Amino acid sequence: MATTAAGTPYVESSDLVANYPGVSLSLANHIDGLDGGKVLQVVSTTKADTFATNSGTYIDVTGMSASITPAATTSKILIYLSAQTGGSPHGTAQYHGRLLRDSTAIAIGAAAGSRTLASFTTAQIENYTMSTSSLVFLDSPSTLSAITYKIQILSTSTGGTFQLNRSGIDTDSATYSRTASTITLMEIGA
């Protein structure tokens, strides 16, 4: 343990011990230097209204984006996505989603040929049901600039219509539900 010229334990700041009550001075000095793995900030967006598309190319899902400005270039961004998806017609509807950091697709698969590269995918079995498409991804953007994370959707089904936060059939009845989807960003200190 470091000591002062008077032989008393050295503390880096006068309030350091108060920050860690019940621990020794040497442990308090050690703990104070451990900043890695801390959650530095959290940003979240919730979309409660609906969105629909039958686009055969990736398009932005309106309202499903969140922006964050990292505090350090060494920070990582942990992304949580929960998308409540529906669609029609059932049995043939296949939809693909991807996560983007600004304009760069991330957390996607790798394949040659005509396969669709996606971060998540969903297929509707029935017009009146929904499924949850979820994704957790740890990104290393290496920047101090503001970053926007968003999702895009495409349909690979002829005549299929993707729905967010509602089922393919959406009759005004207690049988059918409306849901909310979220995207949450957490900055993790290195």
C-alpha atoms as a PDB file:
ATOM      1  CA  MET A   1       0.000   0.000   0.000  1.00  0.00           C
ATOM      2  CA  ALA A   2       1.329   3.448  -0.901  1.00  0.00           C
ATOM      3  CA  THR A   3       1.875   5.836   2.010  1.00  0.00           C
ATOM      4  CA  THR A   4       2.468   9.556   2.378  1.00  0.00           C
ATOM      5  CA  ALA A   5       5.679  11.048   3.839  1.00  0.00           C
ATOM      6  CA  ALA A   6       3.939  11.013   7.243  1.00  0.00           C
ATOM      7  CA  GLY A   7       3.370   7.263   6.903  1.00  0.00           C
ATOM      8  CA  THR A   8      -0.400   7.448   6.455  1.00  0.00           C
ATOM      9  CA  PRO A   9      -2.145   5.558   3.623  1.00  0.00           C
ATOM     10  CA  TYR A  10      -2.219   7.482   0.361  1.00  0.00           C
ATOM     11  CA  VAL A  11      -5.634   8.114  -1.212  1.00  0.00           C
ATOM     12  CA  GLU A  12      -5.818   9.601  -4.724  1.00  0.00           C
ATOM     13  CA  SER A  13      -8.721  11.913  -3.897  1.00  0.00           C
ATOM     14  CA  SER A  14     -10.138  13.134  -0.626  1.00  0.00           C
ATOM     15  CA  ASP A  15     -13.553  11.582  -1.293  1.00  0.00           C
ATOM     16  CA  LEU A  16     -12.358   8.225  -2.649  1.00  0.00           C
ATOM     17  CA  VAL A  17     -13.015   6.247   0.515  1.00  0.00           C
ATOM     18  CA  ALA A  18     -16.490   7.775   0.791  1.00  0.00           C
ATOM     19  CA  ASN A  19     -17.249   6.353  -2.678  1.00  0.00           C
ATOM     20  CA  TYR A  20     -16.562   2.807  -1.451  1.00  0.00           C
ATOM     21  CA  PRO A  21     -17.765   2.524   2.161  1.00  0.00           C
ATOM     22  CA  GLY A  22     -16.705  -0.529   4.083  1.00  0.00           C
ATOM     23  CA  VAL A  23     -13.593  -1.343   2.048  1.00  0.00           C
ATOM     24  CA  SER A  24      -9.929  -0.862   2.851  1.00  0.00           C
ATOM     25  CA  LEU A  25      -7.980   2.103   1.504  1.00  0.00           C
ATOM     26  CA  SER A  26      -5.916  -0.115  -0.810  1.00  0.00           C
ATOM     27  CA  LEU A  27      -9.056  -1.758  -2.226  1.00  0.00           C
ATOM     28  CA  ALA A  28     -10.680   1.645  -2.703  1.00  0.00           C
ATOM     29  CA  ASN A  29      -7.627   2.792  -4.684  1.00  0.00           C
ATOM     30  CA  HIS A  30      -7.842  -0.353  -6.834  1.00  0.00           C
ATOM     31  CA  ILE A  31     -11.594  -0.134  -7.476  1.00  0.00           C
ATOM     32  CA  ASP A  32     -11.340   3.504  -8.536  1.00  0.00           C
ATOM     33  CA  GLY A  33      -9.199   2.526 -11.529  1.00  0.00           C
ATOM     34  CA  LEU A  34     -11.646  -0.080 -12.841  1.00  0.00           C
ATOM     35  CA  ASP A  35     -13.812   1.681 -15.415  1.00  0.00           C
ATOM     36  CA  GLY A  36     -14.066  -1.087 -18.022  1.00  0.00           C
ATOM     37  CA  GLY A  37     -17.391  -2.818 -18.480  1.00  0.00           C
ATOM     38  CA  LYS A  38     -19.467  -0.006 -16.991  1.00  0.00           C
ATOM     39  CA  VAL A  39     -22.669   1.097 -18.701  1.00  0.00           C
ATOM     40  CA  LEU A  40     -21.963   4.713 -19.585  1.00  0.00           C
ATOM     41  CA  GLN A  41     -25.303   5.616 -21.167  1.00  0.00           C
ATOM     42  CA  VAL A  42     -28.519   4.048 -22.435  1.00  0.00           C
ATOM     43  CA  VAL A  43     -30.683   5.238 -25.330  1.00  0.00           C
ATOM     44  CA  SER A  44     -33.953   3.588 -26.312  1.00  0.00           C
ATOM     45  CA  THR A  45     -36.694   4.075 -28.906  1.00  0.00           C
ATOM     46  CA  THR A  46     -40.129   2.474 -28.720  1.00  0.00           C
ATOM     47  CA  LYS A  47     -42.399   2.299 -31.762  1.00  0.00           C
ATOM     48  CA  ALA A  48     -46.051   1.782 -30.840  1.00  0.00           C
ATOM     49  CA  ASP A  49     -47.656   2.490 -34.214  1.00  0.00           C
ATOM     50  CA  THR A  50     -47.633   0.135 -37.210  1.00  0.00           C
ATOM     51  CA  PHE A  51     -45.486  -0.160 -40.317  1.00  0.00           C
ATOM     52  CA  ALA A  52     -46.082  -2.153 -43.492  1.00  0.00           C
ATOM     53  CA  THR A  53     -44.059  -2.934 -46.631  1.00  0.00           C
ATOM     54  CA  ASN A  54     -43.943  -5.373 -49.522  1.00  0.00           C
ATOM     55  CA  SER A  55     -40.683  -3.966 -50.903  1.00  0.00           C
ATOM     56  CA  GLY A  56     -38.338  -6.431 -52.575  1.00  0.00           C
ATOM     57  CA  THR A  57     -35.346  -4.313 -51.516  1.00  0.00           C
ATOM     58  CA  TYR A  58     -34.313  -3.256 -48.022  1.00  0.00           C
ATOM     59  CA  ILE A  59     -36.106  -0.135 -46.794  1.00  0.00           C
ATOM     60  CA  ASP A  60     -35.980   1.724 -43.462  1.00  0.00           C
ATOM     61  CA  VAL A  61     -38.599   0.864 -40.867  1.00  0.00           C
ATOM     62  CA  THR A  62     -39.982   4.255 -39.884  1.00  0.00           C
ATOM     63  CA  GLY A  63     -39.470   5.018 -36.192  1.00  0.00           C
ATOM     64  CA  MET A  64     -37.147   2.077 -35.495  1.00  0.00           C
ATOM     65  CA  SER A  65     -33.871   3.925 -35.036  1.00  0.00           C
ATOM     66  CA  ALA A  66     -31.858   5.274 -32.118  1.00  0.00           C
ATOM     67  CA  SER A  67     -28.822   7.574 -32.006  1.00  0.00           C
ATOM     68  CA  ILE A  68     -25.950   7.630 -29.541  1.00  0.00           C
ATOM     69  CA  THR A  69     -22.711   9.599 -29.208  1.00  0.00           C
ATOM     70  CA  PRO A  70     -19.969   7.478 -27.602  1.00  0.00           C
ATOM     71  CA  ALA A  71     -17.911   9.015 -24.796  1.00  0.00           C
ATOM     72  CA  ALA A  72     -14.723   7.259 -25.978  1.00  0.00           C
ATOM     73  CA  THR A  73     -13.445   5.643 -29.162  1.00  0.00           C
ATOM     74  CA  THR A  74     -12.799   2.452 -27.195  1.00  0.00           C
ATOM     75  CA  SER A  75     -16.430   2.114 -26.097  1.00  0.00           C
ATOM     76  CA  LYS A  76     -18.610  -0.684 -27.398  1.00  0.00           C
ATOM     77  CA  ILE A  77     -22.310  -0.332 -28.156  1.00  0.00           C
ATOM     78  CA  LEU A  78     -24.619  -3.154 -27.086  1.00  0.00           C
ATOM     79  CA  ILE A  79     -27.757  -3.222 -29.244  1.00  0.00           C
ATOM     80  CA  TYR A  80     -30.990  -4.910 -28.161  1.00  0.00           C
ATOM     81  CA  LEU A  81     -33.769  -5.219 -30.738  1.00  0.00           C
ATOM     82  CA  SER A  82     -37.250  -6.582 -30.161  1.00  0.00           C
ATOM     83  CA  ALA A  83     -39.508  -6.346 -33.220  1.00  0.00           C
ATOM     84  CA  GLN A  84     -43.097  -7.658 -33.143  1.00  0.00           C
ATOM     85  CA  THR A  85     -43.771  -8.874 -36.681  1.00  0.00           C
ATOM     86  CA  GLY A  86     -46.748 -10.072 -38.662  1.00  0.00           C
ATOM     87  CA  GLY A  87     -47.658 -10.399 -42.310  1.00  0.00           C
ATOM     88  CA  SER A  88     -49.769 -11.908 -45.020  1.00  0.00           C
ATOM     89  CA  PRO A  89     -50.505 -14.079 -46.882  1.00  0.00           C
ATOM     90  CA  HIS A  90     -49.679 -16.887 -44.497  1.00  0.00           C
ATOM     91  CA  GLY A  91     -47.620 -19.831 -45.617  1.00  0.00           C
ATOM     92  CA  THR A  92     -45.682 -17.899 -48.260  1.00  0.00           C
ATOM     93  CA  ALA A  93     -44.623 -14.729 -46.443  1.00  0.00           C
ATOM     94  CA  GLN A  94     -40.868 -14.556 -45.805  1.00  0.00           C
ATOM     95  CA  TYR A  95     -39.294 -11.324 -44.528  1.00  0.00           C
ATOM     96  CA  HIS A  96     -35.705 -10.389 -43.803  1.00  0.00           C
ATOM     97  CA  GLY A  97     -34.371  -7.646 -41.562  1.00  0.00           C
ATOM     98  CA  ARG A  98     -30.963  -6.112 -41.130  1.00  0.00           C
ATOM     99  CA  LEU A  99     -29.348  -3.835 -38.583  1.00  0.00           C
ATOM    100  CA  LEU A 100     -27.430  -0.789 -39.776  1.00  0.00           C
ATOM    101  CA  ARG A 101     -24.885   1.493 -38.150  1.00  0.00           C
ATOM    102  CA  ASP A 102     -25.542   4.692 -40.112  1.00  0.00           C
ATOM    103  CA  SER A 103     -25.440   3.280 -43.678  1.00  0.00           C
ATOM    104  CA  THR A 104     -23.374   0.145 -42.951  1.00  0.00           C
ATOM    105  CA  ALA A 105     -25.143  -3.196 -42.488  1.00  0.00           C
ATOM    106  CA  ILE A 106     -23.850  -5.015 -39.390  1.00  0.00           C
ATOM    107  CA  ALA A 107     -24.642  -8.312 -37.644  1.00  0.00           C
ATOM    108  CA  ILE A 108     -25.421  -9.979 -40.961  1.00  0.00           C
ATOM    109  CA  GLY A 109     -24.620 -13.458 -42.213  1.00  0.00           C
ATOM    110  CA  ALA A 110     -22.066 -14.283 -44.907  1.00  0.00           C
ATOM    111  CA  ALA A 111     -22.893 -16.291 -48.028  1.00  0.00           C
ATOM    112  CA  ALA A 112     -22.224 -16.376 -51.737  1.00  0.00           C
ATOM    113  CA  GLY A 113     -24.863 -16.512 -54.458  1.00  0.00           C
ATOM    114  CA  SER A 114     -28.444 -15.291 -54.221  1.00  0.00           C
ATOM    115  CA  ARG A 115     -29.010 -15.827 -50.507  1.00  0.00           C
ATOM    116  CA  THR A 116     -30.340 -12.763 -48.687  1.00  0.00           C
ATOM    117  CA  LEU A 117     -27.856 -11.453 -46.120  1.00  0.00           C
ATOM    118  CA  ALA A 118     -29.811 -10.543 -42.999  1.00  0.00           C
ATOM    119  CA  SER A 119     -29.539  -9.874 -39.274  1.00  0.00           C
ATOM    120  CA  PHE A 120     -32.846 -11.626 -38.584  1.00  0.00           C
ATOM    121  CA  THR A 121     -35.679 -13.222 -40.518  1.00  0.00           C
ATOM    122  CA  THR A 122     -39.321 -14.052 -39.946  1.00  0.00           C
ATOM    123  CA  ALA A 123     -41.945 -16.144 -41.704  1.00  0.00           C
ATOM    124  CA  GLN A 124     -45.651 -15.906 -40.972  1.00  0.00           C
ATOM    125  CA  ILE A 125     -47.535 -19.170 -40.484  1.00  0.00           C
ATOM    126  CA  GLU A 126     -50.968 -17.593 -39.967  1.00  0.00           C
ATOM    127  CA  ASN A 127     -52.464 -14.220 -40.928  1.00  0.00           C
ATOM    128  CA  TYR A 128     -53.695 -13.626 -37.382  1.00  0.00           C
ATOM    129  CA  THR A 129     -50.488 -14.344 -35.467  1.00  0.00           C
ATOM    130  CA  MET A 130     -47.327 -12.384 -34.745  1.00  0.00           C
ATOM    131  CA  SER A 131     -43.815 -13.401 -33.809  1.00  0.00           C
ATOM    132  CA  THR A 132     -40.968 -11.687 -31.995  1.00  0.00           C
ATOM    133  CA  SER A 133     -37.800 -11.052 -33.937  1.00  0.00           C
ATOM    134  CA  SER A 134     -35.012 -10.264 -31.486  1.00  0.00           C
ATOM    135  CA  LEU A 135     -31.360  -9.437 -31.839  1.00  0.00           C
ATOM    136  CA  VAL A 136     -28.488  -8.712 -29.457  1.00  0.00           C
ATOM    137  CA  PHE A 137     -25.241  -7.448 -30.977  1.00  0.00           C
ATOM    138  CA  LEU A 138     -22.075  -5.877 -29.519  1.00  0.00           C
ATOM    139  CA  ASP A 139     -20.667  -3.282 -31.914  1.00  0.00           C
ATOM    140  CA  SER A 140     -17.259  -1.564 -31.881  1.00  0.00           C
ATOM    141  CA  PRO A 141     -17.816   1.689 -33.794  1.00  0.00           C
ATOM    142  CA  SER A 142     -14.475   3.329 -32.792  1.00  0.00           C
ATOM    143  CA  THR A 143     -15.779   6.884 -33.016  1.00  0.00           C
ATOM    144  CA  LEU A 144     -16.707   9.921 -30.942  1.00  0.00           C
ATOM    145  CA  SER A 145     -19.282  11.045 -33.509  1.00  0.00           C
ATOM    146  CA  ALA A 146     -23.012  10.492 -33.225  1.00  0.00           C
ATOM    147  CA  ILE A 147     -24.127   7.113 -34.604  1.00  0.00           C
ATOM    148  CA  THR A 148     -27.610   6.056 -35.687  1.00  0.00           C
ATOM    149  CA  TYR A 149     -28.633   2.410 -35.475  1.00  0.00           C
ATOM    150  CA  LYS A 150     -31.738   1.374 -37.408  1.00  0.00           C
ATOM    151  CA  ILE A 151     -33.433  -1.607 -38.988  1.00  0.00           C
ATOM    152  CA  GLN A 152     -34.489  -2.265 -42.561  1.00  0.00           C
ATOM    153  CA  ILE A 153     -36.900  -4.877 -43.942  1.00  0.00           C
ATOM    154  CA  LEU A 154     -37.391  -6.580 -47.300  1.00  0.00           C
ATOM    155  CA  SER A 155     -39.924  -9.119 -48.544  1.00  0.00           C
ATOM    156  CA  THR A 156     -38.865 -12.081 -50.658  1.00  0.00           C
ATOM    157  CA  SER A 157     -42.467 -13.250 -51.042  1.00  0.00           C
ATOM    158  CA  THR A 158     -44.526 -12.392 -54.113  1.00  0.00           C
ATOM    159  CA  GLY A 159     -47.484 -10.412 -52.866  1.00  0.00           C
ATOM    160  CA  GLY A 160     -46.405 -10.706 -49.225  1.00  0.00           C
ATOM    161  CA  THR A 161     -46.833  -7.700 -46.945  1.00  0.00           C
ATOM    162  CA  PHE A 162     -44.673  -7.328 -43.833  1.00  0.00           C
ATOM    163  CA  GLN A 163     -46.377  -5.809 -40.798  1.00  0.00           C
ATOM    164  CA  LEU A 164     -44.766  -4.391 -37.666  1.00  0.00           C
ATOM    165  CA  ASN A 165     -46.745  -4.298 -34.407  1.00  0.00           C
ATOM    166  CA  ARG A 166     -49.820  -5.978 -35.919  1.00  0.00           C
ATOM    167  CA  SER A 167     -50.843  -9.246 -37.524  1.00  0.00           C
ATOM    168  CA  GLY A 168     -51.723  -9.699 -41.194  1.00  0.00           C
ATOM    169  CA  ILE A 169     -55.407  -9.673 -40.288  1.00  0.00           C
ATOM    170  CA  ASP A 170     -56.130  -6.636 -38.121  1.00  0.00           C
ATOM    171  CA  THR A 171     -59.882  -6.716 -37.521  1.00  0.00           C
ATOM    172  CA  ASP A 172     -61.123  -4.361 -34.786  1.00  0.00           C
ATOM    173  CA  SER A 173     -61.712  -7.162 -32.289  1.00  0.00           C
ATOM    174  CA  ALA A 174     -60.289  -8.313 -28.967  1.00  0.00           C
ATOM    175  CA  THR A 175     -58.990 -11.372 -30.852  1.00  0.00           C
ATOM    176  CA  TYR A 176     -56.274  -9.264 -32.497  1.00  0.00           C
ATOM    177  CA  SER A 177     -53.567  -7.302 -30.725  1.00  0.00           C
ATOM    178  CA  ARG A 178     -51.393  -4.286 -31.332  1.00  0.00           C
ATOM    179  CA  THR A 179     -47.882  -4.369 -29.872  1.00  0.00           C
ATOM    180  CA  ALA A 180     -44.787  -2.185 -29.532  1.00  0.00           C
ATOM    181  CA  SER A 181     -41.245  -2.747 -30.802  1.00  0.00           C
ATOM    182  CA  THR A 182     -38.039  -1.374 -29.299  1.00  0.00           C
ATOM    183  CA  ILE A 183     -34.415  -0.714 -30.088  1.00  0.00           C
ATOM    184  CA  THR A 184     -32.099  -0.038 -27.139  1.00  0.00           C
ATOM    185  CA  LEU A 185     -28.449   1.048 -27.207  1.00  0.00           C
ATOM    186  CA  MET A 186     -26.055   0.732 -24.278  1.00  0.00           C
ATOM    187  CA  GLU A 187     -22.584   2.266 -24.322  1.00  0.00           C
ATOM    188  CA  ILE A 188     -20.152  -0.028 -22.521  1.00  0.00           C
ATOM    189  CA  GLY A 189     -16.853   1.456 -21.311  1.00  0.00           C
ATOM    190  CA  ALA A 190     -13.718  -0.404 -22.402  1.00  0.00           C
END
